[in-house]
Protein backbone atom coordinates (compact mmCIF):
# COMPACT_ATOMS: atom_id res chain seq x y z
CA MET A 1 -2.79 29.57 -19.75
CA SER A 2 -3.42 26.49 -22.33
CA GLU A 3 -1.53 26.76 -25.61
CA THR A 4 -2.81 24.60 -28.65
CA PHE A 5 -0.17 22.43 -29.84
CA LEU A 6 -1.97 20.13 -32.69
CA SER A 7 -4.82 21.65 -34.82
CA ILE A 8 -6.81 19.46 -36.77
CA GLN A 9 -9.18 21.57 -39.24
CA GLY A 10 -11.95 20.18 -41.15
CA VAL A 11 -10.11 17.03 -41.87
CA ARG A 12 -11.73 14.48 -44.26
CA LYS A 13 -10.26 11.37 -46.00
CA ALA A 14 -11.84 9.03 -48.75
CA PHE A 15 -10.55 6.11 -50.24
CA GLY A 16 -12.18 5.95 -53.76
CA GLN A 17 -15.76 6.46 -53.02
CA THR A 18 -15.21 5.42 -49.39
CA THR A 19 -15.27 8.28 -46.81
CA VAL A 20 -13.40 6.94 -43.36
CA VAL A 21 -12.96 10.28 -41.68
CA THR A 22 -15.51 13.25 -42.00
CA ASP A 23 -14.97 16.91 -41.01
CA PHE A 24 -12.92 16.03 -38.07
CA ASN A 25 -12.06 19.15 -35.98
CA LEU A 26 -9.90 19.44 -32.76
CA ASP A 27 -7.45 21.60 -30.85
CA VAL A 28 -4.83 19.74 -28.42
CA ASP A 29 -2.98 21.75 -26.08
CA ARG A 30 0.68 21.77 -25.32
CA GLY A 31 1.09 18.29 -22.86
CA GLU A 32 -2.08 17.36 -23.37
CA PHE A 33 -2.79 13.22 -23.48
CA ILE A 34 -5.62 12.68 -25.70
CA SER A 35 -7.36 9.39 -26.97
CA PHE A 36 -8.87 8.26 -29.95
CA LEU A 37 -11.50 5.63 -28.66
CA GLY A 38 -13.89 4.05 -30.78
CA PRO A 39 -14.96 0.43 -32.44
CA SER A 40 -12.93 -0.88 -35.43
CA GLY A 41 -13.55 0.67 -38.59
CA CYS A 42 -14.49 4.26 -36.82
CA GLY A 43 -11.66 5.87 -38.43
CA LYS A 44 -9.14 6.56 -35.13
CA THR A 45 -6.00 4.75 -36.85
CA THR A 46 -6.52 6.61 -40.26
CA MET A 47 -6.94 10.19 -38.23
CA LEU A 48 -3.87 9.44 -36.66
CA ARG A 49 -2.06 8.06 -39.66
CA MET A 50 -2.50 11.52 -41.08
CA VAL A 51 -1.47 13.42 -38.12
CA ALA A 52 1.87 11.31 -38.33
CA GLY A 53 2.13 12.06 -42.33
CA PHE A 54 1.64 8.34 -43.45
CA GLU A 55 -1.76 9.30 -45.16
CA GLU A 56 -2.71 12.60 -46.58
CA PRO A 57 -6.12 14.05 -46.10
CA SER A 58 -8.44 14.50 -48.63
CA ALA A 59 -9.48 18.09 -47.33
CA GLY A 60 -8.46 19.90 -44.35
CA ARG A 61 -5.26 21.04 -42.70
CA ILE A 62 -3.12 19.73 -39.72
CA MET A 63 -0.98 22.18 -37.71
CA ILE A 64 1.92 21.47 -35.36
CA GLY A 65 3.37 24.07 -33.10
CA GLY A 66 1.56 26.60 -35.36
CA LYS A 67 3.02 25.15 -38.47
CA ASP A 68 0.76 23.66 -41.56
CA VAL A 69 2.46 20.17 -41.66
CA THR A 70 -0.61 18.50 -44.07
CA ASN A 71 1.69 18.05 -47.24
CA LEU A 72 5.16 17.34 -45.13
CA LYS A 73 6.74 13.61 -44.66
CA PRO A 74 6.30 11.96 -41.53
CA ASN A 75 10.42 12.49 -41.17
CA GLN A 76 9.61 16.56 -41.33
CA ARG A 77 6.98 16.57 -38.57
CA ASN A 78 9.17 15.99 -35.36
CA ILE A 79 7.05 13.01 -34.16
CA GLY A 80 7.68 9.60 -32.52
CA MET A 81 5.25 6.81 -32.81
CA VAL A 82 4.74 3.34 -31.22
CA PHE A 83 2.56 0.50 -33.24
CA GLN A 84 0.92 -2.29 -31.99
CA ALA A 85 3.81 -4.31 -33.48
CA TYR A 86 6.78 -3.55 -31.44
CA ALA A 87 8.65 -3.04 -34.62
CA LEU A 88 11.73 -3.61 -32.94
CA PHE A 89 14.97 -4.46 -35.20
CA PRO A 90 15.81 -8.17 -34.12
CA ASN A 91 19.27 -8.08 -35.11
CA LEU A 92 20.10 -4.88 -33.11
CA THR A 93 20.32 -4.89 -29.30
CA VAL A 94 17.86 -2.73 -26.96
CA ALA A 95 20.67 -0.30 -26.72
CA GLN A 96 21.06 -0.19 -30.68
CA ASN A 97 17.34 0.13 -31.22
CA VAL A 98 16.92 2.94 -28.51
CA ALA A 99 19.85 4.87 -30.42
CA PHE A 100 18.48 4.25 -33.88
CA GLY A 101 16.67 7.54 -34.53
CA LEU A 102 19.76 9.51 -32.99
CA LYS A 103 22.01 7.84 -35.41
CA VAL A 104 20.04 8.73 -38.02
CA ALA A 105 20.03 12.07 -36.98
CA GLY A 106 23.60 12.27 -37.00
CA MET A 107 23.93 12.60 -32.98
CA PRO A 108 27.53 12.31 -31.57
CA LYS A 109 28.08 8.77 -30.11
CA ALA A 110 29.07 10.00 -26.53
CA GLU A 111 25.58 12.07 -26.18
CA ALA A 112 24.18 9.69 -28.08
CA ASP A 113 24.98 7.02 -25.58
CA ALA A 114 23.83 8.99 -22.60
CA ARG A 115 20.45 9.50 -24.22
CA VAL A 116 20.10 5.63 -24.67
CA ALA A 117 21.03 5.54 -20.99
CA GLU A 118 18.62 7.93 -19.78
CA MET A 119 15.85 6.49 -21.61
CA LEU A 120 16.55 3.06 -20.52
CA ALA A 121 16.35 4.48 -16.88
CA ILE A 122 13.14 6.16 -17.77
CA ILE A 123 11.38 2.71 -18.88
CA LYS A 124 12.93 1.05 -15.71
CA LEU A 125 15.60 -1.64 -18.16
CA PRO A 126 18.82 0.13 -17.14
CA ASP A 127 20.78 -3.01 -17.58
CA PHE A 128 18.84 -4.59 -20.51
CA GLY A 129 20.95 -2.59 -22.95
CA GLU A 130 23.02 -5.68 -24.21
CA ARG A 131 20.16 -7.95 -24.59
CA TYR A 132 17.81 -8.70 -27.91
CA PRO A 133 14.63 -8.28 -28.70
CA TYR A 134 13.94 -11.88 -28.72
CA GLN A 135 15.30 -12.05 -25.09
CA LEU A 136 12.38 -9.79 -23.56
CA SER A 137 8.84 -10.41 -22.86
CA GLY A 138 6.16 -8.51 -24.85
CA GLY A 139 5.74 -5.67 -22.25
CA GLN A 140 9.59 -5.19 -22.21
CA GLN A 141 9.77 -5.07 -25.95
CA GLN A 142 6.91 -2.21 -26.05
CA ARG A 143 8.87 -0.35 -23.53
CA VAL A 144 11.84 -0.37 -25.50
CA ALA A 145 9.98 0.65 -28.60
CA LEU A 146 8.49 3.42 -26.55
CA ALA A 147 12.29 4.64 -25.67
CA ARG A 148 13.23 4.56 -29.24
CA ALA A 149 10.11 6.59 -30.37
CA LEU A 150 11.02 9.17 -27.36
CA ALA A 151 14.64 9.58 -27.98
CA PRO A 152 14.84 11.98 -30.39
CA LYS A 153 12.76 14.20 -28.26
CA PRO A 154 9.84 14.51 -30.46
CA LYS A 155 7.58 17.56 -29.72
CA LEU A 156 4.56 15.05 -30.41
CA LEU A 157 4.16 11.33 -29.42
CA LEU A 158 1.36 9.03 -31.30
CA LEU A 159 0.65 5.64 -29.83
CA ASP A 160 -1.58 3.11 -32.09
CA GLU A 161 -2.91 0.72 -29.91
CA PRO A 162 0.10 -0.02 -28.21
CA LEU A 163 -0.84 -2.45 -25.51
CA SER A 164 -3.37 -4.66 -27.17
CA ALA A 165 -1.08 -7.37 -27.57
CA LEU A 166 -0.31 -7.56 -24.05
CA ASP A 167 -2.06 -9.83 -21.45
CA ALA A 168 -4.26 -7.93 -19.17
CA LYS A 169 -2.00 -7.81 -16.30
CA VAL A 170 0.92 -6.23 -18.07
CA ARG A 171 -1.46 -3.87 -20.09
CA VAL A 172 -2.53 -2.25 -16.48
CA SER A 173 1.14 -1.76 -15.40
CA LEU A 174 2.27 -0.35 -18.78
CA ARG A 175 -0.34 1.93 -19.03
CA GLU A 176 0.47 3.44 -15.80
CA GLU A 177 4.33 3.82 -16.94
CA ILE A 178 3.19 5.41 -20.16
CA ARG A 179 1.15 8.04 -18.54
CA SER A 180 3.64 8.68 -16.11
CA ILE A 181 6.60 8.76 -18.45
CA GLN A 182 4.10 11.51 -20.60
CA LYS A 183 3.75 13.40 -17.52
CA LYS A 184 7.33 13.33 -16.76
CA LEU A 185 8.37 14.61 -20.14
CA GLY A 186 5.26 16.93 -20.86
CA ILE A 187 4.79 15.45 -24.28
CA THR A 188 1.83 16.07 -26.16
CA THR A 189 0.40 12.73 -26.87
CA ILE A 190 -2.52 10.85 -29.10
CA PHE A 191 -3.29 7.38 -27.89
CA VAL A 192 -5.60 5.26 -30.20
CA THR A 193 -7.36 2.48 -28.48
CA HIS A 194 -10.90 0.89 -28.38
CA ASP A 195 -10.66 -0.20 -24.38
CA GLN A 196 -12.68 2.27 -22.75
CA GLU A 197 -11.05 1.32 -19.69
CA GLU A 198 -7.62 2.35 -21.04
CA ALA A 199 -8.94 5.77 -22.67
CA LEU A 200 -10.69 6.67 -18.91
CA SER A 201 -7.62 5.63 -16.98
CA MET A 202 -5.09 7.51 -19.08
CA SER A 203 -6.70 10.48 -20.90
CA ASP A 204 -7.16 14.44 -20.09
CA ARG A 205 -9.78 14.09 -22.65
CA ILE A 206 -11.34 11.48 -24.87
CA VAL A 207 -12.46 11.60 -28.62
CA VAL A 208 -15.41 9.18 -28.82
CA MET A 209 -15.11 8.40 -32.66
CA TYR A 210 -18.05 6.68 -34.29
CA ASP A 211 -18.59 6.21 -38.32
CA GLY A 212 -15.34 8.79 -39.00
CA ARG A 213 -17.04 11.60 -36.90
CA ALA A 214 -15.98 12.70 -33.26
CA GLU A 215 -19.02 11.71 -31.56
CA GLN A 216 -18.08 13.61 -28.55
CA VAL A 217 -15.01 15.20 -26.74
CA GLY A 218 -14.64 15.20 -23.10
CA SER A 219 -12.70 14.62 -19.63
CA PRO A 220 -13.24 10.98 -18.99
CA PHE A 221 -15.73 12.23 -16.60
CA GLU A 222 -17.75 14.09 -19.00
CA ILE A 223 -17.94 11.23 -21.12
CA TYR A 224 -18.95 8.79 -18.73
CA ASN A 225 -21.05 10.77 -16.84
CA ARG A 226 -22.56 13.10 -19.69
CA PRO A 227 -22.75 11.46 -23.16
CA SER A 228 -24.02 13.60 -25.76
CA THR A 229 -25.36 10.63 -27.90
CA LYS A 230 -26.83 7.16 -27.69
CA PHE A 231 -24.00 6.01 -29.13
CA VAL A 232 -21.28 7.12 -26.35
CA ALA A 233 -23.72 6.20 -23.98
CA ASN A 234 -23.72 2.68 -24.86
CA PHE A 235 -20.28 2.52 -26.03
CA VAL A 236 -18.45 3.87 -22.79
CA GLY A 237 -19.51 1.98 -19.63
CA THR A 238 -22.24 -0.74 -19.13
CA LEU A 239 -25.34 1.01 -19.37
CA ASN A 240 -29.05 0.02 -18.64
CA VAL A 241 -31.66 1.28 -20.88
CA LEU A 242 -35.31 1.49 -19.87
CA ASP A 243 -38.46 2.80 -22.15
CA GLY A 244 -40.50 5.34 -20.81
CA VAL A 245 -43.38 7.76 -21.88
CA VAL A 246 -43.66 11.12 -20.68
CA SER A 247 -46.71 11.75 -18.42
CA ASN A 248 -46.25 15.35 -17.52
CA PRO A 249 -43.60 17.63 -19.19
CA ALA A 250 -43.87 20.63 -16.28
CA THR A 251 -42.80 18.53 -13.45
CA ALA A 252 -40.34 16.15 -15.90
CA THR A 253 -42.58 12.83 -14.86
CA VAL A 254 -42.18 9.73 -17.02
CA ARG A 255 -43.99 6.28 -16.88
CA VAL A 256 -41.76 3.32 -16.79
CA ASN A 257 -44.19 0.33 -16.82
CA ASP A 258 -46.67 0.78 -14.22
CA ARG A 259 -44.92 3.61 -11.93
CA GLU A 260 -44.05 7.25 -12.20
CA ILE A 261 -40.69 8.50 -12.04
CA THR A 262 -39.33 11.65 -11.80
CA LEU A 263 -36.50 13.09 -13.92
CA LYS A 264 -33.93 16.42 -13.07
CA LYS A 265 -35.23 19.68 -14.23
CA GLY A 266 -34.63 20.31 -18.24
CA ALA A 267 -34.05 16.24 -18.70
CA LEU A 268 -36.93 16.29 -20.88
CA ASN A 269 -35.46 18.55 -23.60
CA GLY A 270 -38.89 19.58 -25.08
CA ALA A 271 -40.47 16.12 -25.17
CA LYS A 272 -44.02 16.21 -24.95
CA ALA A 273 -46.70 14.20 -22.91
CA GLY A 274 -46.85 10.73 -24.54
CA ASP A 275 -43.61 10.67 -26.07
CA THR A 276 -41.74 7.47 -25.96
CA LEU A 277 -38.07 7.97 -24.50
CA SER A 278 -35.20 5.88 -23.87
CA LEU A 279 -33.82 6.28 -20.44
CA ALA A 280 -30.37 5.27 -19.08
CA LEU A 281 -28.87 4.24 -15.81
CA ARG A 282 -25.70 3.28 -15.00
CA PRO A 283 -25.22 -0.06 -12.87
CA GLU A 284 -23.35 1.78 -9.96
CA ALA A 285 -26.63 4.41 -9.81
CA ILE A 286 -28.74 1.49 -8.71
CA VAL A 287 -29.53 -0.16 -5.26
CA LEU A 288 -31.64 -3.02 -4.25
CA GLY A 289 -34.96 -2.33 -2.41
CA LYS A 290 -35.85 1.46 -1.42
CA GLN A 291 -33.22 3.62 0.09
CA ALA A 292 -33.65 7.29 1.71
CA GLY A 293 -32.20 10.04 -0.80
CA ARG A 294 -33.36 7.62 -3.81
CA ASP A 295 -36.51 9.29 -5.21
CA SER A 296 -37.69 6.77 -7.66
CA THR A 297 -38.07 3.15 -7.12
CA LEU A 298 -39.15 0.33 -9.91
CA GLY A 299 -40.63 -2.98 -9.10
CA GLY A 300 -39.12 -6.33 -11.01
CA LYS A 301 -37.96 -9.88 -10.20
CA ILE A 302 -34.55 -10.85 -10.05
CA SER A 303 -33.62 -13.05 -12.82
CA ASP A 304 -29.85 -13.81 -12.15
CA VAL A 305 -27.15 -13.59 -9.68
CA SER A 306 -23.28 -13.90 -10.50
CA PHE A 307 -20.82 -14.26 -7.50
CA LEU A 308 -17.83 -12.41 -8.43
CA GLY A 309 -15.68 -12.33 -5.22
CA SER A 310 -16.00 -8.70 -3.52
CA VAL A 311 -19.23 -8.32 -5.87
CA ILE A 312 -22.37 -9.84 -6.56
CA ARG A 313 -23.45 -9.01 -10.12
CA VAL A 314 -27.43 -8.82 -10.16
CA ARG A 315 -29.96 -8.59 -12.91
CA VAL A 316 -33.23 -7.66 -12.49
CA GLY A 317 -36.61 -7.86 -14.96
CA VAL A 318 -38.26 -4.54 -14.84
CA GLY A 319 -41.11 -5.17 -17.59
CA LYS A 320 -39.49 -5.97 -20.67
CA ASN A 321 -35.99 -4.88 -19.80
CA ALA A 322 -33.08 -6.26 -17.82
CA VAL A 323 -31.37 -3.94 -15.53
CA SER A 324 -27.74 -4.82 -14.03
CA LEU A 325 -26.65 -3.75 -11.01
CA ASP A 326 -23.61 -4.55 -8.44
CA THR A 327 -23.76 -5.06 -4.80
CA PHE A 328 -20.83 -5.78 -2.44
CA ASN A 329 -20.51 -9.16 -0.93
CA SER A 330 -20.88 -9.51 2.88
CA PRO A 331 -19.94 -12.88 4.78
CA THR A 332 -23.16 -12.03 6.89
CA SER A 333 -25.73 -11.59 4.23
CA PRO A 334 -26.92 -14.13 2.04
CA PRO A 335 -27.12 -12.87 -1.72
CA PRO A 336 -30.55 -12.41 -3.70
CA VAL A 337 -32.23 -15.33 -4.83
CA VAL A 338 -33.23 -15.67 -8.45
CA GLY A 339 -37.30 -15.28 -8.86
CA GLU A 340 -37.64 -13.00 -5.69
CA GLU A 341 -39.74 -10.02 -6.24
CA THR A 342 -37.69 -6.83 -5.54
CA GLU A 343 -37.57 -3.30 -5.92
CA ILE A 344 -34.65 -1.04 -7.31
CA SER A 345 -34.07 2.63 -6.30
CA PHE A 346 -32.11 5.37 -7.86
CA SER A 347 -32.10 9.28 -8.02
CA ALA A 348 -33.50 11.66 -10.49
CA GLY A 349 -30.20 13.08 -11.42
CA ASP A 350 -28.90 9.35 -12.31
CA VAL A 351 -31.13 9.21 -15.19
CA LEU A 352 -29.93 10.24 -18.77
CA VAL A 353 -32.54 10.53 -21.41
CA LEU A 354 -30.63 8.99 -24.83
CA HIS A 355 -31.65 11.33 -27.65
């Protein structure tokens, strides 16, 4: 049975007349990995800083482990925090950096040395204790920052865009390591990012934020496949949007350009005949040509073909709209030709109606 460890209740934050977080509510289970995902300025870092104690909420309260910590200082909350900037002490060795919080807490040296060795092993830098930060790569420095945050055994780990300063390959490797370490230690974690791939690959649940609000909270599968608002649908993943007009609500039939397509039962959500809808399709839901099992087709003309190695990205003009889809490269089949008339196929269950 899950146990709520972090509870954010009706939190609001304003700086003067500007409100940056509005009525934010979230319960996080012990050991859960939660990502705050959203564009710059959406309030995700401000919300994280309130959980950490660096900002005080204008309203609402924050509970950690059943204790109201809303007005407590950061050092009274038993949290570990990793920032985008590594913030390592340049005059201290790796081992001394990791031991810093333990030394402040008054841990005996022998015990602290053992904990440092344990943390360096966990971050896969067991022989780097005597090096200085300038002797490490960016990825290694961020690992050390993570070890320093985890060394005092915090109950809550907060990560504020810790991977954004790293190159792409290092980011992928390090996000896998962070998730592995988090699972191994079972520590409750909040991860702030604007990178949807990071959020989708690492999280138990994602909080998609926009304009200071939680637009949607759900598992990566739910956020990607069942977006509840137009913003979430557009922000997470690539999306094709088509304009349609309701033909027959009883049969969930919609006209797109000169063709009728059928949506899944209940998708119209009360729309009436003649209403204009925005219909969304993920690229992976679409195939070129007619295909058995795909119950809807639309005609169009190929407007662009990009060869990406294993994948060929095709854009098809469908009326006033452009639709993107990916096909696998085959050495024996030539790619589609720009200007060619074609059809695209998809299933009723793959069409989202954006509200």
